[in-house]
Protein backbone atom coordinates (compact mmCIF):
# COMPACT_ATOMS: atom_id res chain seq x y z
CA MET A 1 -47.71 2.88 -24.37
CA ILE A 2 -45.89 -0.31 -23.44
CA LYS A 3 -47.52 -3.40 -21.97
CA LEU A 4 -45.44 -5.87 -19.99
CA ARG A 5 -46.55 -9.30 -18.90
CA CYS A 6 -45.00 -10.77 -15.83
CA SER A 7 -45.85 -13.66 -13.59
CA LYS A 8 -44.37 -12.20 -10.42
CA LYS A 9 -46.83 -11.45 -7.67
CA LEU A 10 -44.99 -8.16 -7.10
CA PHE A 11 -46.36 -6.63 -10.28
CA ARG A 12 -49.94 -7.82 -9.98
CA ARG A 13 -52.60 -5.32 -9.14
CA SER A 14 -54.44 -5.99 -5.96
CA SER A 15 -58.09 -5.08 -5.87
CA SER A 16 -60.93 -5.63 -3.43
CA LYS A 17 -63.25 -6.10 -6.44
CA SER A 18 -63.55 -9.37 -8.27
CA SER A 19 -61.35 -9.90 -11.32
CA THR A 20 -64.42 -9.97 -13.56
CA SER A 21 -65.07 -6.24 -13.16
CA THR A 22 -64.58 -4.17 -16.28
CA GLY A 23 -63.19 -1.12 -14.46
CA ASP A 24 -59.92 -2.82 -13.47
CA VAL A 25 -57.91 -3.25 -16.68
CA GLY A 26 -55.66 -6.30 -16.72
CA ALA A 27 -56.09 -7.21 -13.05
CA GLY A 28 -56.63 -10.90 -13.67
CA ARG A 29 -53.78 -11.31 -16.18
CA GLY A 30 -51.09 -9.41 -14.27
CA GLU A 31 -50.55 -6.82 -17.03
CA ILE A 32 -49.27 -3.37 -16.15
CA GLU A 33 -49.43 -0.46 -18.55
CA TRP A 34 -46.29 1.64 -18.75
CA GLU A 35 -45.61 5.06 -20.24
CA VAL A 36 -42.49 7.02 -21.09
CA ARG A 37 -42.35 10.48 -19.55
CA PRO A 38 -40.88 13.47 -21.45
CA GLY A 39 -37.62 13.09 -19.49
CA GLY A 40 -37.24 9.51 -20.75
CA MET A 41 -38.25 7.78 -17.52
CA LEU A 42 -40.35 4.63 -17.80
CA VAL A 43 -43.17 4.73 -15.22
CA GLN A 44 -46.43 2.94 -14.52
CA LYS A 45 -49.34 4.57 -16.31
CA ARG A 46 -51.67 6.68 -14.17
CA ASP A 47 -55.39 6.08 -13.90
CA GLY A 48 -56.27 9.55 -15.19
CA ARG A 49 -58.24 10.69 -12.17
CA GLY A 50 -55.10 12.02 -10.46
CA ASP A 51 -54.83 14.93 -12.91
CA ALA A 52 -58.07 16.54 -11.69
CA GLU A 53 -57.08 16.63 -8.03
CA VAL A 54 -58.70 19.48 -6.12
CA ILE A 55 -57.09 20.75 -2.94
CA THR A 56 -58.38 23.10 -0.26
CA VAL A 57 -56.03 25.95 0.61
CA ARG A 58 -56.57 27.97 3.77
CA VAL A 59 -55.78 31.63 3.03
CA ALA A 60 -55.14 33.88 6.02
CA THR A 61 -55.84 37.59 5.53
CA GLY A 62 -54.93 39.42 8.71
CA PHE A 63 -57.72 38.66 11.19
CA SER A 64 -59.80 36.38 8.95
CA TRP A 65 -59.22 33.30 6.83
CA HIS A 66 -60.87 31.70 3.80
CA ASP A 67 -60.92 28.09 2.62
CA VAL A 68 -60.50 28.04 -1.16
CA SER A 69 -60.84 24.91 -3.32
CA ILE A 70 -58.57 24.96 -6.37
CA GLY A 71 -56.85 22.49 -8.69
CA ALA A 72 -53.52 21.16 -7.43
CA THR A 73 -51.77 22.04 -10.69
CA CYS A 74 -53.02 25.65 -10.82
CA THR A 75 -50.70 28.63 -10.48
CA PHE A 76 -50.54 31.27 -7.77
CA GLY A 77 -51.92 33.74 -10.36
CA GLU A 78 -55.05 31.62 -10.73
CA LEU A 79 -55.32 31.45 -6.94
CA LYS A 80 -55.16 35.27 -6.87
CA LEU A 81 -58.07 35.43 -9.33
CA VAL A 82 -60.18 33.22 -7.08
CA LEU A 83 -59.18 35.28 -4.04
CA SER A 84 -60.12 38.51 -5.81
CA MET A 85 -63.72 37.27 -5.92
CA VAL A 86 -63.63 36.38 -2.23
CA THR A 87 -61.76 39.38 -0.78
CA GLY A 88 -62.46 42.17 -3.27
CA LEU A 89 -58.74 42.91 -3.78
CA GLU A 90 -57.48 43.02 -7.34
CA PRO A 91 -54.87 40.34 -8.20
CA ARG A 92 -52.17 43.01 -8.70
CA GLU A 93 -52.85 44.29 -5.15
CA GLN A 94 -52.28 40.86 -3.60
CA ARG A 95 -49.07 39.32 -2.28
CA LEU A 96 -49.18 35.58 -1.53
CA LEU A 97 -46.67 34.04 0.88
CA PHE A 98 -46.13 30.32 1.34
CA ARG A 99 -43.52 28.97 3.75
CA GLY A 100 -42.29 32.48 4.43
CA LYS A 101 -41.55 33.42 0.80
CA GLU A 102 -43.50 35.52 -1.65
CA ARG A 103 -44.50 33.43 -4.65
CA GLU A 104 -44.67 34.56 -8.26
CA ASP A 105 -47.87 34.36 -10.29
CA THR A 106 -46.35 31.75 -12.63
CA ASP A 107 -45.35 29.32 -9.85
CA HIS A 108 -47.47 26.16 -9.79
CA LEU A 109 -48.94 25.09 -6.47
CA HIS A 110 -47.85 21.45 -6.71
CA MET A 111 -44.30 22.37 -7.75
CA ILE A 112 -43.84 24.63 -4.70
CA GLY A 113 -45.26 21.97 -2.40
CA VAL A 114 -48.74 23.26 -1.57
CA ARG A 115 -50.89 20.35 -0.43
CA ASP A 116 -54.42 19.90 0.83
CA LYS A 117 -55.24 22.03 3.92
CA ASP A 118 -51.99 24.06 3.68
CA LYS A 119 -51.96 27.69 4.78
CA VAL A 120 -51.11 30.61 2.48
CA LEU A 121 -50.78 34.17 3.76
CA LEU A 122 -52.42 36.98 1.76
CA LEU A 123 -51.05 40.49 2.18
CA GLU A 124 -52.10 43.69 0.48
CA ASP A 125 -49.26 45.29 -1.48
CA PRO A 126 -48.03 48.21 0.70
CA ALA A 127 -47.06 50.39 -2.27
CA LEU A 128 -50.50 50.11 -3.88
CA LYS A 129 -52.18 50.56 -0.50
CA ASP A 130 -50.28 53.83 -0.01
CA MET A 131 -51.21 55.00 -3.53
CA LYS A 132 -54.92 54.30 -2.84
CA LEU A 133 -54.74 56.24 0.42
CA ARG A 134 -53.11 59.23 -1.29
CA ALA A 135 -55.69 59.13 -4.08
CA THR A 136 -58.60 59.18 -1.63
CA LEU A 137 -57.05 62.07 0.33
CA ALA A 138 -56.51 64.02 -2.89
CA ALA A 139 -60.10 63.33 -3.97
CA GLN A 140 -61.40 64.68 -0.67
CA ALA A 141 -59.29 67.83 -0.98
CA VAL A 142 -60.44 68.50 -4.55
CA GLN A 143 -64.04 67.66 -3.76
CA SER A 144 -65.09 71.23 -2.96
CA PRO A 145 -63.23 73.89 -4.94
CA TYR A 146 -65.44 76.69 -3.59
CA ARG A 147 -65.12 77.52 0.07
CA PRO A 148 -67.18 80.15 1.78
CA LEU A 149 -65.14 83.15 2.86
CA ILE A 150 -67.37 83.97 5.77
CA LYS A 151 -68.67 81.28 8.05
CA VAL A 152 -71.93 82.02 9.77
C-alpha cells in the first residue's frame, strides 16, 4: 500500500460528513491510499464494500420469469445452482443465454457484462429433454409385462 500526500483540491476526498468522523480515513489531510494491481497498474484503493456487491438478475423461462439475487462476481455455474432450487431443473439440464449467446459455467457474470436488473434466458437442454421423454415412454411400455389375452 502506498500513501501519497498532495495539496491539490483535485485529490481531496469530498464528504458530506464532518472531517472529525472516524469512518472517513484521511479526509481532512488530503491523503489517498493507493494499491498496485496484479497487472502493475497503480489505482486508488477501494473501500472494501464493493467486493460484496449483490445484483438481481431476471431469468426468463418460457412463459414465466424469476428474480434471482446473486453476487456480481459469481459464475454462470453458481447461477445455475441457484436456479435449480427455483425451477427444479438440474444444472446440467439448463442452458443460460445472455445477449443472444450461450454462456459457459466458468464465465463470471461481471466479466461478461451482467449488471443489476439484466435479463438472462433459461432454456432446457433439448438433448436431455428428449432423453427424459424417451425414458418415460420406455418406462410406461415396460410397466406391465403381463397382458391379458382375452379382454372381457
